[in-house]
Amino acid sequence: MSLSGNCEICGLPSVEFSCDRCGSLVCDDHFEADVGLCTECRTEVGGTGGVPAGEDSPDGVDTYRF
């Protein structure tokens, strides 16, 4: 898919991506490819996303008790 226009964050005419959350057209400098979000949405959402692993995961995360 070809995108054209200016980056909605910095205004440079090098749009390459569209944010999965807000739809903004952004350049490579303002796109977080690992999550598919523009830098503004990434800041709003915060965190690293995903499921905690290692020491950050809660105890008994794989234990199901009924």
N, C-alpha and C. Protein backbone atom coordinates (compact mmCIF):
# COMPACT_ATOMS: atom_id res chain seq x y z
N MET A 1 0.84 -1.17 0.00
CA MET A 1 0.00 0.00 0.00
C MET A 1 0.89 1.23 0.00
N SER A 2 0.60 2.15 -0.87
CA SER A 2 1.39 3.36 -0.98
C SER A 2 0.68 4.50 -0.26
N LEU A 3 1.40 5.18 0.59
CA LEU A 3 0.85 6.30 1.33
C LEU A 3 1.50 7.58 0.83
N SER A 4 0.71 8.65 0.78
CA SER A 4 1.29 9.92 0.38
C SER A 4 0.75 11.02 1.28
N GLY A 5 1.54 12.04 1.45
CA GLY A 5 1.16 13.16 2.30
C GLY A 5 2.29 13.47 3.26
N ASN A 6 1.97 14.32 4.21
CA ASN A 6 2.96 14.72 5.21
C ASN A 6 2.71 13.99 6.52
N CYS A 7 3.78 13.75 7.25
CA CYS A 7 3.68 13.14 8.58
C CYS A 7 2.80 14.04 9.44
N GLU A 8 1.82 13.46 10.10
CA GLU A 8 0.89 14.24 10.91
C GLU A 8 1.49 14.69 12.24
N ILE A 9 2.71 14.27 12.53
CA ILE A 9 3.37 14.69 13.76
C ILE A 9 4.42 15.77 13.48
N CYS A 10 5.29 15.52 12.51
CA CYS A 10 6.37 16.47 12.25
C CYS A 10 6.19 17.27 10.95
N GLY A 11 5.30 16.82 10.07
CA GLY A 11 5.04 17.55 8.84
C GLY A 11 5.95 17.22 7.68
N LEU A 12 6.91 16.34 7.87
CA LEU A 12 7.81 15.98 6.77
C LEU A 12 7.06 15.16 5.72
N PRO A 13 7.41 15.33 4.46
CA PRO A 13 6.71 14.62 3.38
C PRO A 13 7.22 13.19 3.15
N SER A 14 7.48 12.47 4.20
CA SER A 14 8.02 11.11 4.06
C SER A 14 7.14 10.09 4.77
N VAL A 15 5.83 10.14 4.53
CA VAL A 15 4.89 9.23 5.18
C VAL A 15 5.13 7.81 4.70
N GLU A 16 5.28 6.89 5.64
CA GLU A 16 5.49 5.49 5.30
C GLU A 16 4.52 4.56 6.02
N PHE A 17 3.90 5.04 7.12
CA PHE A 17 3.08 4.16 7.95
C PHE A 17 1.78 4.82 8.35
N SER A 18 0.83 3.97 8.76
CA SER A 18 -0.45 4.43 9.30
C SER A 18 -0.62 3.78 10.68
N CYS A 19 -0.93 4.59 11.68
CA CYS A 19 -1.09 4.09 13.04
C CYS A 19 -2.31 3.18 13.13
N ASP A 20 -2.14 2.02 13.75
CA ASP A 20 -3.24 1.06 13.91
C ASP A 20 -4.30 1.55 14.88
N ARG A 21 -3.97 2.49 15.73
CA ARG A 21 -4.92 2.96 16.76
C ARG A 21 -5.70 4.18 16.30
N CYS A 22 -4.99 5.22 15.82
CA CYS A 22 -5.66 6.47 15.47
C CYS A 22 -5.75 6.73 13.98
N GLY A 23 -4.98 5.97 13.19
CA GLY A 23 -5.01 6.12 11.74
C GLY A 23 -4.13 7.23 11.20
N SER A 24 -3.37 7.90 12.04
CA SER A 24 -2.49 8.97 11.59
C SER A 24 -1.45 8.45 10.61
N LEU A 25 -1.16 9.25 9.60
CA LEU A 25 -0.10 8.93 8.65
C LEU A 25 1.18 9.52 9.20
N VAL A 26 2.18 8.68 9.40
CA VAL A 26 3.41 9.12 10.05
C VAL A 26 4.66 8.61 9.33
N CYS A 27 5.77 9.31 9.58
CA CYS A 27 7.07 8.91 9.02
C CYS A 27 7.70 7.83 9.89
N ASP A 28 8.82 7.32 9.44
CA ASP A 28 9.53 6.26 10.15
C ASP A 28 9.97 6.70 11.55
N ASP A 29 10.32 7.97 11.71
CA ASP A 29 10.77 8.47 13.01
C ASP A 29 9.65 8.50 14.05
N HIS A 30 8.40 8.54 13.60
CA HIS A 30 7.27 8.65 14.53
C HIS A 30 6.37 7.43 14.51
N PHE A 31 6.94 6.27 14.18
CA PHE A 31 6.19 5.02 14.16
C PHE A 31 6.92 3.96 14.94
N GLU A 32 6.21 3.30 15.84
CA GLU A 32 6.76 2.19 16.63
C GLU A 32 6.32 0.89 15.96
N ALA A 33 7.17 0.35 15.10
CA ALA A 33 6.82 -0.82 14.30
C ALA A 33 6.49 -2.05 15.14
N ASP A 34 7.12 -2.20 16.30
CA ASP A 34 6.89 -3.38 17.12
C ASP A 34 5.46 -3.47 17.63
N VAL A 35 4.77 -2.34 17.75
CA VAL A 35 3.38 -2.34 18.22
C VAL A 35 2.41 -1.77 17.20
N GLY A 36 2.91 -1.22 16.11
CA GLY A 36 2.04 -0.68 15.06
C GLY A 36 1.38 0.64 15.42
N LEU A 37 2.00 1.40 16.33
CA LEU A 37 1.41 2.66 16.78
C LEU A 37 2.33 3.84 16.49
N CYS A 38 1.70 5.01 16.30
CA CYS A 38 2.50 6.23 16.20
C CYS A 38 3.06 6.54 17.58
N THR A 39 4.05 7.40 17.65
CA THR A 39 4.68 7.70 18.93
C THR A 39 3.71 8.36 19.91
N GLU A 40 2.74 9.13 19.41
CA GLU A 40 1.77 9.77 20.31
C GLU A 40 0.87 8.72 20.96
N CYS A 41 0.37 7.76 20.18
CA CYS A 41 -0.48 6.70 20.74
C CYS A 41 0.33 5.82 21.68
N ARG A 42 1.56 5.54 21.33
CA ARG A 42 2.42 4.72 22.19
C ARG A 42 2.59 5.38 23.55
N THR A 43 2.73 6.70 23.56
CA THR A 43 2.86 7.44 24.81
C THR A 43 1.57 7.37 25.61
N GLU A 44 0.42 7.51 24.93
CA GLU A 44 -0.88 7.46 25.61
C GLU A 44 -1.16 6.08 26.19
N VAL A 45 -0.86 5.05 25.41
CA VAL A 45 -1.11 3.68 25.84
C VAL A 45 -0.14 3.29 26.94
N GLY A 46 1.12 3.69 26.78
CA GLY A 46 2.14 3.41 27.78
C GLY A 46 2.50 1.95 27.86
N GLY A 47 3.46 1.65 28.70
CA GLY A 47 3.87 0.27 28.92
C GLY A 47 4.50 -0.38 27.71
N THR A 48 4.83 -1.62 27.89
CA THR A 48 5.44 -2.37 26.80
C THR A 48 4.46 -3.33 26.18
N GLY A 49 3.28 -3.47 26.76
CA GLY A 49 2.27 -4.37 26.21
C GLY A 49 2.61 -5.82 26.45
N GLY A 50 1.75 -6.69 25.99
CA GLY A 50 2.00 -8.12 26.13
C GLY A 50 1.73 -8.64 27.51
N VAL A 51 2.13 -9.87 27.74
CA VAL A 51 1.92 -10.55 29.01
C VAL A 51 3.20 -10.49 29.82
N PRO A 52 3.13 -10.15 31.09
CA PRO A 52 4.34 -10.12 31.91
C PRO A 52 5.04 -11.48 31.93
N ALA A 53 6.35 -11.44 31.96
CA ALA A 53 7.11 -12.68 31.99
C ALA A 53 8.18 -12.60 33.07
N GLY A 54 8.66 -13.74 33.47
CA GLY A 54 9.73 -13.79 34.46
C GLY A 54 9.30 -13.26 35.80
N GLU A 55 10.12 -12.43 36.40
CA GLU A 55 9.84 -11.90 37.73
C GLU A 55 8.61 -10.99 37.76
N ASP A 56 8.23 -10.44 36.60
CA ASP A 56 7.08 -9.54 36.55
C ASP A 56 5.75 -10.28 36.50
N SER A 57 5.78 -11.59 36.22
CA SER A 57 4.51 -12.31 36.12
C SER A 57 4.01 -12.66 37.51
N PRO A 58 2.70 -12.65 37.69
CA PRO A 58 2.15 -12.98 39.01
C PRO A 58 2.35 -14.45 39.34
N ASP A 59 2.41 -14.77 40.63
CA ASP A 59 2.54 -16.16 41.06
C ASP A 59 1.30 -16.94 40.67
N GLY A 60 1.49 -18.19 40.27
CA GLY A 60 0.36 -19.05 39.93
C GLY A 60 -0.35 -18.68 38.65
N VAL A 61 0.34 -18.02 37.74
CA VAL A 61 -0.30 -17.56 36.52
C VAL A 61 -0.81 -18.72 35.67
N ASP A 62 -0.19 -19.90 35.77
CA ASP A 62 -0.63 -21.07 35.01
C ASP A 62 -1.45 -22.03 35.85
N THR A 63 -1.82 -21.64 37.03
CA THR A 63 -2.58 -22.50 37.92
C THR A 63 -4.06 -22.14 37.86
N TYR A 64 -4.87 -23.14 37.55
CA TYR A 64 -6.32 -22.92 37.49
C TYR A 64 -6.98 -23.66 38.63
N ARG A 65 -7.72 -22.95 39.45
CA ARG A 65 -8.41 -23.57 40.58
C ARG A 65 -9.88 -23.23 40.49
N PHE A 66 -10.71 -24.26 40.65
CA PHE A 66 -12.16 -24.05 40.57
C PHE A 66 -12.82 -24.40 41.87
